[in-house]
N, C-alpha and C. Protein backbone atom coordinates (compact mmCIF):
# COMPACT_ATOMS: atom_id res chain seq x y z
N MET A 1 45.61 76.46 170.75
CA MET A 1 46.89 75.52 171.10
C MET A 1 47.26 74.79 169.86
N ARG A 2 46.18 74.73 168.89
CA ARG A 2 46.58 73.99 167.48
C ARG A 2 47.88 74.90 166.72
N ILE A 3 47.42 76.35 166.63
CA ILE A 3 48.65 77.34 166.47
C ILE A 3 49.85 76.67 167.04
N PHE A 4 50.15 76.89 168.48
CA PHE A 4 51.41 76.79 169.23
C PHE A 4 51.89 75.36 168.70
N SER A 5 51.17 74.27 168.68
CA SER A 5 51.80 73.01 168.15
C SER A 5 52.21 73.34 166.63
N GLY A 6 51.64 73.94 166.18
CA GLY A 6 51.99 73.81 164.43
C GLY A 6 53.46 74.74 164.69
N VAL A 7 53.60 75.81 165.23
CA VAL A 7 54.70 76.69 165.46
C VAL A 7 55.73 75.88 165.90
N LEU A 8 55.68 74.97 167.00
CA LEU A 8 56.70 74.00 167.42
C LEU A 8 57.18 73.27 166.31
N ALA A 9 56.12 72.51 165.63
CA ALA A 9 56.60 71.62 164.67
C ALA A 9 57.42 72.33 163.55
N VAL A 10 57.02 73.70 163.21
CA VAL A 10 57.90 74.28 162.15
C VAL A 10 59.30 74.67 162.87
N LEU A 11 59.62 74.90 164.10
CA LEU A 11 60.55 75.55 164.47
C LEU A 11 61.73 74.30 164.78
N ALA A 12 60.89 73.03 164.88
CA ALA A 12 61.63 71.85 165.09
C ALA A 12 62.17 71.29 163.80
N ALA A 13 61.71 71.50 162.76
CA ALA A 13 61.84 71.08 161.44
C ALA A 13 63.28 71.93 160.77
N VAL A 14 62.67 73.27 161.19
CA VAL A 14 63.87 74.22 160.68
C VAL A 14 65.28 73.95 161.59
N SER A 15 65.11 73.72 162.90
CA SER A 15 66.37 73.28 163.80
C SER A 15 67.03 71.94 163.03
N LEU A 16 66.36 71.11 162.69
CA LEU A 16 66.85 69.73 162.02
C LEU A 16 67.24 70.03 160.70
N TRP A 17 66.75 70.97 159.82
CA TRP A 17 67.26 71.45 158.49
C TRP A 17 68.36 72.02 158.95
N GLY A 18 68.71 72.89 159.94
CA GLY A 18 69.96 73.51 160.13
C GLY A 18 70.93 72.73 160.38
N ILE A 19 70.74 71.58 161.44
CA ILE A 19 71.76 70.83 161.94
C ILE A 19 72.12 69.78 160.37
N ALA A 20 71.35 69.49 159.64
CA ALA A 20 71.63 68.77 158.36
C ALA A 20 72.43 69.56 157.10
N ASP A 21 72.31 70.98 157.26
CA ASP A 21 73.14 72.13 156.48
C ASP A 21 74.18 72.26 156.84
N ALA A 22 74.50 71.68 158.20
CA ALA A 22 75.68 72.30 158.55
C ALA A 22 76.84 71.18 158.46
N LYS A 23 76.10 69.83 158.47
CA LYS A 23 76.77 68.23 158.19
C LYS A 23 77.38 68.47 156.58
N VAL A 24 76.41 68.85 155.77
CA VAL A 24 76.26 69.16 154.25
C VAL A 24 77.54 69.96 154.24
N LYS A 25 77.54 71.27 154.98
CA LYS A 25 78.72 72.19 154.64
C LYS A 25 80.10 71.67 155.07
N ILE A 26 80.19 71.26 156.18
CA ILE A 26 81.52 70.40 156.65
C ILE A 26 81.77 69.59 155.65
N LYS A 27 81.19 68.72 154.70
CA LYS A 27 81.54 67.82 154.31
C LYS A 27 82.08 68.35 152.63
N LYS A 28 81.32 69.37 152.29
CA LYS A 28 81.55 70.22 151.28
C LYS A 28 82.76 70.98 151.42
N VAL A 29 82.95 71.81 152.34
CA VAL A 29 84.25 72.44 152.48
C VAL A 29 85.62 72.05 152.94
N CYS A 30 85.31 70.90 153.84
CA CYS A 30 86.38 70.20 154.48
C CYS A 30 86.89 69.08 153.67
N GLY A 31 86.13 68.83 152.44
CA GLY A 31 86.44 67.60 151.82
C GLY A 31 87.95 67.18 151.64
N PRO A 32 88.78 68.54 151.04
CA PRO A 32 89.96 68.33 150.91
C PRO A 32 91.10 68.13 152.15
N ASP A 33 90.58 68.60 153.02
CA ASP A 33 91.32 68.61 154.31
C ASP A 33 90.90 67.12 155.12
N LEU A 34 89.62 66.46 154.91
CA LEU A 34 89.21 65.17 155.12
C LEU A 34 90.24 63.93 154.27
N GLU A 35 90.34 64.53 153.21
CA GLU A 35 91.13 63.76 152.41
C GLU A 35 92.83 63.55 152.70
N ARG A 36 93.23 64.89 153.05
CA ARG A 36 94.72 65.02 153.19
C ARG A 36 94.82 64.62 154.60
N PHE A 37 94.12 64.71 155.73
CA PHE A 37 94.30 64.23 157.06
C PHE A 37 93.82 63.14 157.47
N CYS A 38 92.78 62.77 157.22
CA CYS A 38 91.67 61.91 157.92
C CYS A 38 91.14 60.89 156.74
N LYS A 39 91.80 60.56 155.85
CA LYS A 39 91.50 59.55 154.69
C LYS A 39 91.29 58.35 155.16
N ASP A 40 91.98 58.03 156.50
CA ASP A 40 91.45 56.54 156.95
C ASP A 40 90.42 56.44 158.09
N VAL A 41 89.95 57.60 158.27
CA VAL A 41 89.27 57.55 159.39
C VAL A 41 87.69 57.63 158.70
N LYS A 42 86.75 56.41 159.13
CA LYS A 42 85.58 56.31 158.52
C LYS A 42 84.32 57.02 159.15
N LYS A 43 83.35 57.58 158.31
CA LYS A 43 82.36 58.28 158.72
C LYS A 43 81.67 57.61 160.09
N GLY A 44 81.78 58.23 160.91
CA GLY A 44 81.16 57.93 162.37
C GLY A 44 82.08 57.39 163.39
N GLU A 45 83.32 57.31 163.14
CA GLU A 45 84.66 56.78 163.59
C GLU A 45 85.78 57.73 164.27
N GLY A 46 84.89 59.19 164.14
CA GLY A 46 85.81 60.13 164.58
C GLY A 46 86.51 61.35 163.42
N ARG A 47 85.57 61.40 162.50
CA ARG A 47 86.32 62.33 161.48
C ARG A 47 86.40 63.83 161.98
N LYS A 48 85.28 64.30 162.77
CA LYS A 48 85.43 65.43 163.34
C LYS A 48 86.61 65.69 164.12
N ALA A 49 86.76 64.71 165.03
CA ALA A 49 87.78 64.71 166.00
C ALA A 49 89.19 64.77 165.26
N CYS A 50 89.30 64.08 164.30
CA CYS A 50 90.39 63.97 163.47
C CYS A 50 90.93 65.38 162.96
N LEU A 51 89.62 65.88 162.03
CA LEU A 51 90.03 67.30 161.80
C LEU A 51 90.46 68.05 162.98
N ALA A 52 89.87 68.26 163.75
CA ALA A 52 89.87 69.16 164.92
C ALA A 52 91.32 68.98 165.43
N GLY A 53 92.02 67.90 165.52
CA GLY A 53 93.19 67.38 165.81
C GLY A 53 94.63 68.16 164.59
N HIS A 54 93.78 68.43 163.58
CA HIS A 54 94.57 69.27 162.71
C HIS A 54 94.16 70.59 162.50
N ALA A 55 93.49 71.10 163.54
CA ALA A 55 92.84 72.66 163.46
C ALA A 55 93.79 73.37 162.82
N SER A 56 95.21 73.53 163.22
CA SER A 56 95.90 74.49 162.69
C SER A 56 96.56 74.35 161.22
N GLU A 57 96.38 73.51 161.06
CA GLU A 57 96.59 72.70 159.46
C GLU A 57 95.33 73.09 158.48
N LEU A 58 94.10 73.07 158.72
CA LEU A 58 92.91 73.04 157.96
C LEU A 58 93.15 74.39 157.11
N GLN A 59 92.58 74.45 156.12
CA GLN A 59 91.88 75.61 155.37
C GLN A 59 91.14 76.79 156.18
N PRO A 60 91.05 77.66 156.28
CA PRO A 60 90.56 78.66 156.98
C PRO A 60 88.63 78.48 156.83
N VAL A 61 88.21 78.13 155.57
CA VAL A 61 86.85 77.90 155.52
C VAL A 61 86.45 76.86 156.22
N CYS A 62 87.28 75.39 156.05
CA CYS A 62 86.98 74.33 156.78
C CYS A 62 87.14 74.71 158.29
N ARG A 63 88.11 75.12 159.02
CA ARG A 63 88.53 75.52 160.51
C ARG A 63 86.88 76.28 160.85
N ASP A 64 86.61 77.30 160.29
CA ASP A 64 85.36 77.92 160.57
C ASP A 64 84.11 77.23 160.66
N ALA A 65 83.93 76.09 159.54
CA ALA A 65 82.77 75.27 159.51
C ALA A 65 82.80 74.39 160.79
N LEU A 66 83.84 74.05 161.17
CA LEU A 66 84.08 72.90 162.19
C LEU A 66 83.72 73.90 163.73
N LYS A 67 84.55 75.00 163.65
CA LYS A 67 84.17 75.55 164.82
C LYS A 67 82.67 75.76 164.96
N ALA A 68 82.02 75.98 164.14
CA ALA A 68 80.62 76.69 164.11
C ALA A 68 79.67 75.15 164.44
N ARG A 69 80.11 73.87 163.81
CA ARG A 69 79.46 73.01 163.97
C ARG A 69 79.54 72.20 165.65
N ILE A 70 80.61 72.73 166.02
CA ILE A 70 81.33 72.29 167.39
C ILE A 70 80.39 73.11 168.37
N ALA A 71 80.32 74.40 167.82
CA ALA A 71 79.77 75.31 168.89
C ALA A 71 78.09 75.04 169.12
N GLY A 72 77.56 74.61 167.91
CA GLY A 72 76.36 74.55 167.80
C GLY A 72 75.90 73.16 168.44
N LYS A 73 76.87 72.05 168.63
CA LYS A 73 76.68 71.03 169.39
C LYS A 73 76.40 71.57 170.75
N ALA A 74 77.58 72.57 171.23
CA ALA A 74 77.71 72.57 172.63
C ALA A 74 76.38 73.49 173.22
N GLU A 75 76.03 74.28 172.22
CA GLU A 75 74.54 75.16 172.83
C GLU A 75 73.59 74.20 173.26
N LYS A 76 73.21 73.17 172.41
CA LYS A 76 72.36 72.11 172.49
C LYS A 76 72.46 71.19 173.82
N ALA A 77 73.70 71.03 174.10
CA ALA A 77 74.03 70.22 175.35
C ALA A 77 73.43 70.89 176.72
């Protein structure tokens, strides 16, 4: 049972690490697009929604990272 609990703890940590990694990736790859389209939107006030509203105008790498982040949230819901 202790091994199972340890495995669950590791899986939870890896999952959280992946979420944090996705947030860092979006911030890094979407920085120019955030500045261009959403510079007046503060963190926590809908920056991802702002980017999504400009999806056709985003750099491909940003658009892909945003899609992956949204898909990851949908899978967890």
